[in-house]
């Protein structure tokens, strides 16, 4: 489905599943998305907050400044609304058998993971632990 809607680390050629590592980051990402669409957060109702246990064997860690430098990507690139550089990095990462990209949230708070679900290695997994309906009127 994400191939229909190109975003930071997916294109029409490949998809990604986006996860936030912290609850606050997931909510900040939703608020950012609503503002970008000129909508209220409540207009996205209903929304569930899922908690997953994730294990990936090969992750490109763009939270690390040395890794960003080696991959020729900056924090500004990671937070830009122009996704072209991120998408280029994602394409190269996929060709090099990375399963996911760990990156600082474009909200400026927290960390996110873009997982190439179709690239999972043996032993990698994603397991849903819980799901909670969010009250978007409180955001």
N, C-alpha and C. Protein backbone atom coordinates (compact mmCIF):
# COMPACT_ATOMS: atom_id res chain seq x y z
N UNK A 1 0.81 -1.19 0.00
CA UNK A 1 0.00 0.00 0.00
C UNK A 1 0.86 1.27 0.00
N UNK A 2 1.99 1.26 0.72
CA UNK A 2 2.81 2.47 0.79
C UNK A 2 3.42 2.85 -0.55
N UNK A 3 3.47 1.92 -1.50
CA UNK A 3 3.98 2.25 -2.82
C UNK A 3 3.05 3.22 -3.55
N UNK A 4 1.78 3.23 -3.16
CA UNK A 4 0.83 4.15 -3.78
C UNK A 4 1.04 5.59 -3.32
N UNK A 5 1.68 5.74 -2.16
CA UNK A 5 1.87 7.06 -1.56
C UNK A 5 3.35 7.25 -1.21
N UNK A 6 4.19 7.63 -2.18
CA UNK A 6 5.61 7.83 -1.89
C UNK A 6 5.81 8.78 -0.71
N UNK A 7 6.77 8.43 0.12
CA UNK A 7 7.04 9.20 1.33
C UNK A 7 8.55 9.25 1.51
N UNK A 8 9.01 9.48 2.72
CA UNK A 8 10.42 9.72 2.97
C UNK A 8 11.32 8.57 2.50
N UNK A 9 11.00 7.34 2.84
CA UNK A 9 11.86 6.21 2.50
C UNK A 9 11.15 5.15 1.64
N UNK A 10 10.10 5.53 0.94
CA UNK A 10 9.47 4.62 0.00
C UNK A 10 9.11 5.37 -1.28
N UNK A 11 9.02 4.62 -2.36
CA UNK A 11 8.70 5.19 -3.66
C UNK A 11 7.61 4.36 -4.31
N UNK A 12 7.30 4.63 -5.55
CA UNK A 12 6.37 3.80 -6.28
C UNK A 12 6.95 2.43 -6.59
N UNK A 13 8.28 2.28 -6.44
CA UNK A 13 8.95 1.01 -6.72
C UNK A 13 9.03 0.08 -5.52
N UNK A 14 9.02 0.64 -4.32
CA UNK A 14 9.11 -0.18 -3.11
C UNK A 14 8.42 0.52 -1.95
N UNK A 15 7.92 -0.28 -1.04
CA UNK A 15 7.19 0.25 0.10
C UNK A 15 8.02 0.23 1.38
N UNK A 16 7.46 0.83 2.41
CA UNK A 16 8.06 0.82 3.74
C UNK A 16 6.95 0.89 4.77
N UNK A 17 7.20 0.27 5.91
CA UNK A 17 6.31 0.36 7.06
C UNK A 17 7.00 1.32 8.04
N UNK A 18 6.30 2.36 8.44
CA UNK A 18 6.90 3.38 9.31
C UNK A 18 6.46 3.16 10.75
N UNK A 19 7.46 3.15 11.64
CA UNK A 19 7.22 2.95 13.06
C UNK A 19 7.95 4.03 13.85
N UNK A 20 7.34 4.48 14.93
CA UNK A 20 8.01 5.40 15.85
C UNK A 20 8.49 4.59 17.05
N UNK A 21 9.64 4.92 17.57
CA UNK A 21 10.17 4.15 18.70
C UNK A 21 9.55 4.58 20.02
N UNK A 22 8.98 5.77 20.06
CA UNK A 22 8.38 6.28 21.30
C UNK A 22 6.93 6.69 21.02
N UNK A 23 6.08 6.52 22.00
CA UNK A 23 4.67 6.91 21.87
C UNK A 23 4.56 8.38 21.49
N UNK A 24 5.33 9.23 22.16
CA UNK A 24 5.29 10.67 21.91
C UNK A 24 5.68 11.00 20.47
N UNK A 25 6.62 10.23 19.93
CA UNK A 25 7.05 10.45 18.55
C UNK A 25 5.92 10.08 17.59
N UNK A 26 5.23 8.98 17.84
CA UNK A 26 4.11 8.58 16.98
C UNK A 26 3.05 9.68 16.96
N UNK A 27 2.76 10.23 18.11
CA UNK A 27 1.75 11.29 18.19
C UNK A 27 2.25 12.56 17.51
N UNK A 28 3.52 12.91 17.71
CA UNK A 28 4.08 14.11 17.06
C UNK A 28 4.06 13.94 15.53
N UNK A 29 4.32 12.73 15.04
CA UNK A 29 4.26 12.47 13.60
C UNK A 29 2.83 12.65 13.07
N UNK A 30 1.84 12.20 13.83
CA UNK A 30 0.45 12.36 13.43
C UNK A 30 0.06 13.84 13.40
N UNK A 31 0.47 14.58 14.41
CA UNK A 31 0.18 16.02 14.46
C UNK A 31 0.83 16.72 13.28
N UNK A 32 2.08 16.37 12.97
CA UNK A 32 2.78 16.96 11.82
C UNK A 32 2.06 16.66 10.52
N UNK A 33 1.62 15.42 10.38
CA UNK A 33 0.89 15.02 9.17
C UNK A 33 -0.41 15.82 9.03
N UNK A 34 -1.14 15.97 10.13
CA UNK A 34 -2.40 16.73 10.10
C UNK A 34 -2.14 18.17 9.70
N UNK A 35 -1.16 18.79 10.29
CA UNK A 35 -0.84 20.19 9.95
C UNK A 35 -0.44 20.32 8.49
N UNK A 36 0.37 19.36 8.00
CA UNK A 36 0.80 19.38 6.60
C UNK A 36 -0.36 19.24 5.63
N UNK A 37 -1.41 18.55 6.07
CA UNK A 37 -2.60 18.36 5.23
C UNK A 37 -3.65 19.44 5.49
N UNK A 38 -3.31 20.39 6.35
CA UNK A 38 -4.22 21.47 6.72
C UNK A 38 -5.52 20.92 7.31
N UNK A 39 -5.35 19.92 8.18
CA UNK A 39 -6.49 19.27 8.84
C UNK A 39 -6.28 19.29 10.34
N UNK A 40 -7.35 19.05 11.06
CA UNK A 40 -7.22 18.87 12.50
C UNK A 40 -6.80 17.43 12.77
N UNK A 41 -6.17 17.22 13.89
CA UNK A 41 -5.79 15.86 14.28
C UNK A 41 -7.04 15.01 14.45
N UNK A 42 -8.08 15.59 15.03
CA UNK A 42 -9.32 14.85 15.27
C UNK A 42 -9.95 14.34 13.97
N UNK A 43 -9.68 14.99 12.85
CA UNK A 43 -10.24 14.55 11.56
C UNK A 43 -9.63 13.23 11.09
N UNK A 44 -8.56 12.78 11.73
CA UNK A 44 -7.94 11.51 11.40
C UNK A 44 -8.55 10.35 12.19
N UNK A 45 -9.56 10.65 12.99
CA UNK A 45 -10.20 9.65 13.85
C UNK A 45 -10.93 8.61 13.00
N UNK A 46 -10.95 7.37 13.33
CA UNK A 46 -10.28 6.76 14.47
C UNK A 46 -8.84 6.38 14.12
N UNK A 47 -7.99 6.37 15.12
CA UNK A 47 -6.59 5.96 14.98
C UNK A 47 -6.23 5.10 16.18
N UNK A 48 -5.57 4.00 15.89
CA UNK A 48 -5.06 3.14 16.95
C UNK A 48 -3.57 3.34 17.08
N UNK A 49 -3.08 3.19 18.29
CA UNK A 49 -1.65 3.19 18.56
C UNK A 49 -1.26 1.73 18.79
N UNK A 50 -0.42 1.22 17.91
CA UNK A 50 0.03 -0.16 18.02
C UNK A 50 1.41 -0.20 18.65
N UNK A 51 1.66 -1.22 19.43
CA UNK A 51 2.98 -1.47 19.99
C UNK A 51 3.46 -2.80 19.41
N UNK A 52 4.66 -2.76 18.84
CA UNK A 52 5.24 -3.94 18.20
C UNK A 52 6.58 -4.28 18.83
N UNK A 53 6.90 -5.56 18.83
CA UNK A 53 8.26 -6.01 19.11
C UNK A 53 8.88 -6.23 17.74
N UNK A 54 9.99 -5.56 17.48
CA UNK A 54 10.63 -5.62 16.16
C UNK A 54 12.08 -6.06 16.33
N UNK A 55 12.48 -6.99 15.49
CA UNK A 55 13.89 -7.38 15.44
C UNK A 55 14.30 -7.41 13.97
N UNK A 56 15.29 -6.61 13.64
CA UNK A 56 15.85 -6.59 12.29
C UNK A 56 17.35 -6.84 12.39
N UNK A 57 17.86 -7.65 11.49
CA UNK A 57 19.27 -7.98 11.51
C UNK A 57 20.17 -6.91 10.92
N UNK A 58 19.72 -6.24 9.87
CA UNK A 58 20.57 -5.25 9.20
C UNK A 58 19.80 -3.94 9.07
N UNK A 59 20.19 -2.98 9.91
CA UNK A 59 19.51 -1.68 9.97
C UNK A 59 20.52 -0.58 9.68
N UNK A 60 20.16 0.31 8.77
CA UNK A 60 20.96 1.49 8.49
C UNK A 60 20.61 2.54 9.54
N UNK A 61 21.57 2.88 10.39
CA UNK A 61 21.33 3.77 11.53
C UNK A 61 21.69 5.22 11.18
N UNK A 62 20.71 5.97 10.72
CA UNK A 62 20.95 7.38 10.37
C UNK A 62 20.80 8.31 11.57
N UNK A 63 20.63 7.74 12.76
CA UNK A 63 20.70 8.57 13.97
C UNK A 63 22.15 8.83 14.33
N UNK A 64 23.06 8.06 13.74
CA UNK A 64 24.49 8.17 13.99
C UNK A 64 25.12 9.15 12.99
N UNK A 65 25.77 10.19 13.48
CA UNK A 65 26.32 11.23 12.60
C UNK A 65 27.39 10.69 11.65
N UNK A 66 28.20 9.75 12.10
CA UNK A 66 29.23 9.17 11.23
C UNK A 66 28.59 8.38 10.09
N UNK A 67 27.51 7.68 10.38
CA UNK A 67 26.80 6.94 9.33
C UNK A 67 26.17 7.91 8.34
N UNK A 68 25.56 8.98 8.85
CA UNK A 68 24.98 9.99 7.95
C UNK A 68 26.05 10.56 7.03
N UNK A 69 27.22 10.85 7.59
CA UNK A 69 28.31 11.41 6.79
C UNK A 69 28.75 10.40 5.72
N UNK A 70 28.88 9.14 6.10
CA UNK A 70 29.30 8.11 5.15
C UNK A 70 28.27 7.92 4.03
N UNK A 71 27.01 8.13 4.34
CA UNK A 71 25.94 7.98 3.35
C UNK A 71 25.59 9.31 2.68
N UNK A 72 26.31 10.37 3.02
CA UNK A 72 26.14 11.69 2.41
C UNK A 72 24.70 12.20 2.54
N UNK A 73 24.19 12.13 3.78
CA UNK A 73 22.85 12.65 4.08
C UNK A 73 22.93 13.44 5.37
N UNK A 74 22.23 14.54 5.44
CA UNK A 74 22.28 15.42 6.60
C UNK A 74 20.98 15.35 7.39
N UNK A 75 21.02 15.93 8.59
CA UNK A 75 19.79 16.04 9.38
C UNK A 75 18.75 16.87 8.63
N UNK A 76 19.21 17.92 7.95
CA UNK A 76 18.28 18.74 7.15
C UNK A 76 17.61 17.90 6.07
N UNK A 77 18.39 17.02 5.41
CA UNK A 77 17.80 16.14 4.40
C UNK A 77 16.72 15.25 5.01
N UNK A 78 16.99 14.75 6.22
CA UNK A 78 16.07 13.84 6.89
C UNK A 78 14.78 14.53 7.34
N UNK A 79 14.85 15.86 7.51
CA UNK A 79 13.68 16.60 7.96
C UNK A 79 13.00 17.39 6.85
N UNK A 80 13.58 17.36 5.67
CA UNK A 80 13.06 18.12 4.54
C UNK A 80 11.75 17.52 4.02
N UNK A 81 10.92 18.38 3.47
CA UNK A 81 9.70 17.92 2.81
C UNK A 81 10.00 17.44 1.39
N UNK A 82 11.22 17.66 0.91
CA UNK A 82 11.68 17.10 -0.37
C UNK A 82 12.30 15.74 -0.03
N UNK A 83 11.62 14.68 -0.39
CA UNK A 83 12.03 13.33 0.01
C UNK A 83 13.05 12.69 -0.92
N UNK A 84 13.47 13.38 -1.97
CA UNK A 84 14.29 12.74 -3.01
C UNK A 84 15.59 12.16 -2.48
N UNK A 85 16.30 12.86 -1.62
CA UNK A 85 17.57 12.33 -1.10
C UNK A 85 17.32 11.11 -0.22
N UNK A 86 16.31 11.18 0.64
CA UNK A 86 15.97 10.04 1.49
C UNK A 86 15.58 8.84 0.65
N UNK A 87 14.83 9.07 -0.41
CA UNK A 87 14.41 7.98 -1.28
C UNK A 87 15.60 7.35 -2.01
N UNK A 88 16.57 8.18 -2.39
CA UNK A 88 17.78 7.65 -3.02
C UNK A 88 18.56 6.78 -2.04
N UNK A 89 18.69 7.25 -0.79
CA UNK A 89 19.37 6.47 0.24
C UNK A 89 18.63 5.15 0.46
N UNK A 90 17.31 5.21 0.51
CA UNK A 90 16.52 3.99 0.72
C UNK A 90 16.73 2.99 -0.41
N UNK A 91 16.78 3.47 -1.64
CA UNK A 91 16.99 2.57 -2.78
C UNK A 91 18.35 1.88 -2.69
N UNK A 92 19.38 2.62 -2.32
CA UNK A 92 20.72 2.02 -2.17
C UNK A 92 20.73 1.06 -0.98
N UNK A 93 20.10 1.45 0.12
CA UNK A 93 20.05 0.57 1.30
C UNK A 93 19.37 -0.75 0.94
N UNK A 94 18.28 -0.69 0.22
CA UNK A 94 17.59 -1.93 -0.19
C UNK A 94 18.49 -2.80 -1.07
N UNK A 95 19.18 -2.17 -2.00
CA UNK A 95 20.08 -2.95 -2.87
C UNK A 95 21.21 -3.61 -2.07
N UNK A 96 21.52 -3.02 -0.93
CA UNK A 96 22.58 -3.55 -0.07
C UNK A 96 22.03 -4.40 1.07
N UNK A 97 20.81 -4.88 0.90
CA UNK A 97 20.17 -5.85 1.81
C UNK A 97 19.82 -5.31 3.19
N UNK A 98 19.71 -4.00 3.33
CA UNK A 98 19.22 -3.46 4.60
C UNK A 98 17.74 -3.75 4.71
N UNK A 99 17.32 -4.09 5.92
CA UNK A 99 15.92 -4.38 6.20
C UNK A 99 15.15 -3.14 6.64
N UNK A 100 15.88 -2.16 7.17
CA UNK A 100 15.21 -1.00 7.75
C UNK A 100 16.19 0.17 7.85
N UNK A 101 15.61 1.35 8.03
CA UNK A 101 16.39 2.56 8.25
C UNK A 101 15.90 3.19 9.54
N UNK A 102 16.82 3.39 10.48
CA UNK A 102 16.55 4.08 11.74
C UNK A 102 16.93 5.53 11.53
N UNK A 103 16.04 6.47 11.89
CA UNK A 103 16.33 7.87 11.60
C UNK A 103 15.65 8.79 12.62
N UNK A 104 16.21 9.99 12.80
CA UNK A 104 15.57 10.96 13.69
C UNK A 104 14.25 11.43 13.08
N UNK A 105 13.22 11.50 13.89
CA UNK A 105 11.92 11.95 13.42
C UNK A 105 12.01 13.35 12.83
N UNK A 106 11.29 13.59 11.75
CA UNK A 106 11.25 14.91 11.12
C UNK A 106 10.56 15.94 12.02
N UNK A 107 9.93 15.47 13.09
CA UNK A 107 9.30 16.39 14.04
C UNK A 107 10.34 17.04 14.94
N UNK A 108 11.55 16.48 14.94
CA UNK A 108 12.59 16.99 15.83
C UNK A 108 12.60 16.31 17.18
N UNK A 109 11.68 15.36 17.39
CA UNK A 109 11.57 14.67 18.68
C UNK A 109 11.49 13.18 18.45
N UNK A 110 12.45 12.44 18.95
CA UNK A 110 12.37 10.99 18.91
C UNK A 110 12.97 10.35 17.67
N UNK A 111 12.71 9.06 17.55
CA UNK A 111 13.33 8.24 16.52
C UNK A 111 12.27 7.40 15.81
N UNK A 112 12.47 7.20 14.53
CA UNK A 112 11.56 6.39 13.72
C UNK A 112 12.32 5.29 13.00
N UNK A 113 11.57 4.31 12.53
CA UNK A 113 12.12 3.20 11.78
C UNK A 113 11.27 3.02 10.54
N UNK A 114 11.91 3.03 9.39
CA UNK A 114 11.25 2.68 8.13
C UNK A 114 11.70 1.28 7.79
N UNK A 115 10.78 0.35 7.82
CA UNK A 115 11.12 -1.06 7.62
C UNK A 115 10.67 -1.51 6.23
N UNK A 116 11.59 -2.14 5.52
CA UNK A 116 11.27 -2.73 4.22
C UNK A 116 10.80 -4.16 4.49
N UNK A 117 9.52 -4.28 4.71
CA UNK A 117 8.94 -5.53 5.19
C UNK A 117 9.27 -6.71 4.26
N UNK A 118 9.34 -6.42 2.97
CA UNK A 118 9.64 -7.49 2.01
C UNK A 118 11.12 -7.86 1.98
N UNK A 119 11.95 -7.15 2.73
CA UNK A 119 13.40 -7.40 2.77
C UNK A 119 13.82 -8.13 4.05
N UNK A 120 12.86 -8.55 4.87
CA UNK A 120 13.22 -9.16 6.15
C UNK A 120 14.12 -10.38 5.96
N UNK A 121 15.13 -10.45 6.80
CA UNK A 121 16.06 -11.58 6.79
C UNK A 121 15.52 -12.69 7.69
N UNK A 122 16.06 -13.87 7.52
CA UNK A 122 15.72 -14.99 8.39
C UNK A 122 16.01 -14.59 9.84
N UNK A 123 15.05 -14.82 10.71
CA UNK A 123 15.21 -14.48 12.12
C UNK A 123 14.66 -13.10 12.47
N UNK A 124 14.41 -12.26 11.48
CA UNK A 124 13.81 -10.95 11.75
C UNK A 124 12.31 -11.13 11.93
N UNK A 125 11.73 -10.28 12.76
CA UNK A 125 10.30 -10.41 12.99
C UNK A 125 9.67 -9.10 13.45
N UNK A 126 8.37 -9.05 13.29
CA UNK A 126 7.53 -7.96 13.80
C UNK A 126 6.33 -8.63 14.44
N UNK A 127 6.13 -8.37 15.73
CA UNK A 127 5.03 -8.99 16.46
C UNK A 127 4.23 -7.90 17.15
N UNK A 128 2.92 -7.88 16.90
CA UNK A 128 2.06 -6.91 17.58
C UNK A 128 1.89 -7.31 19.04
N UNK A 129 2.17 -6.36 19.93
CA UNK A 129 2.02 -6.61 21.36
C UNK A 129 0.71 -6.06 21.90
N UNK A 130 0.29 -4.89 21.37
CA UNK A 130 -0.95 -4.30 21.86
C UNK A 130 -1.45 -3.25 20.87
N UNK A 131 -2.70 -2.86 21.08
CA UNK A 131 -3.32 -1.82 20.26
C UNK A 131 -4.28 -1.04 21.17
N UNK A 132 -4.20 0.29 21.08
CA UNK A 132 -5.04 1.15 21.88
C UNK A 132 -5.65 2.23 20.99
N UNK A 133 -6.96 2.42 21.12
CA UNK A 133 -7.63 3.48 20.39
C UNK A 133 -7.22 4.82 21.00
N UNK A 134 -6.72 5.73 20.15
CA UNK A 134 -6.32 7.04 20.63
C UNK A 134 -7.51 7.98 20.68
N UNK A 135 -7.57 8.83 21.70
CA UNK A 135 -8.58 9.88 21.75
C UNK A 135 -7.95 11.10 21.11
N UNK A 136 -8.23 11.31 19.83
CA UNK A 136 -7.60 12.40 19.07
C UNK A 136 -8.12 13.77 19.47
N UNK A 137 -9.21 13.82 20.17
CA UNK A 137 -9.73 15.11 20.65
C UNK A 137 -8.84 15.69 21.74
N UNK A 138 -8.01 14.85 22.35
CA UNK A 138 -7.11 15.30 23.41
C UNK A 138 -5.80 15.84 22.86
N UNK A 139 -5.55 15.67 21.56
CA UNK A 139 -4.27 16.08 20.98
C UNK A 139 -4.35 17.48 20.42
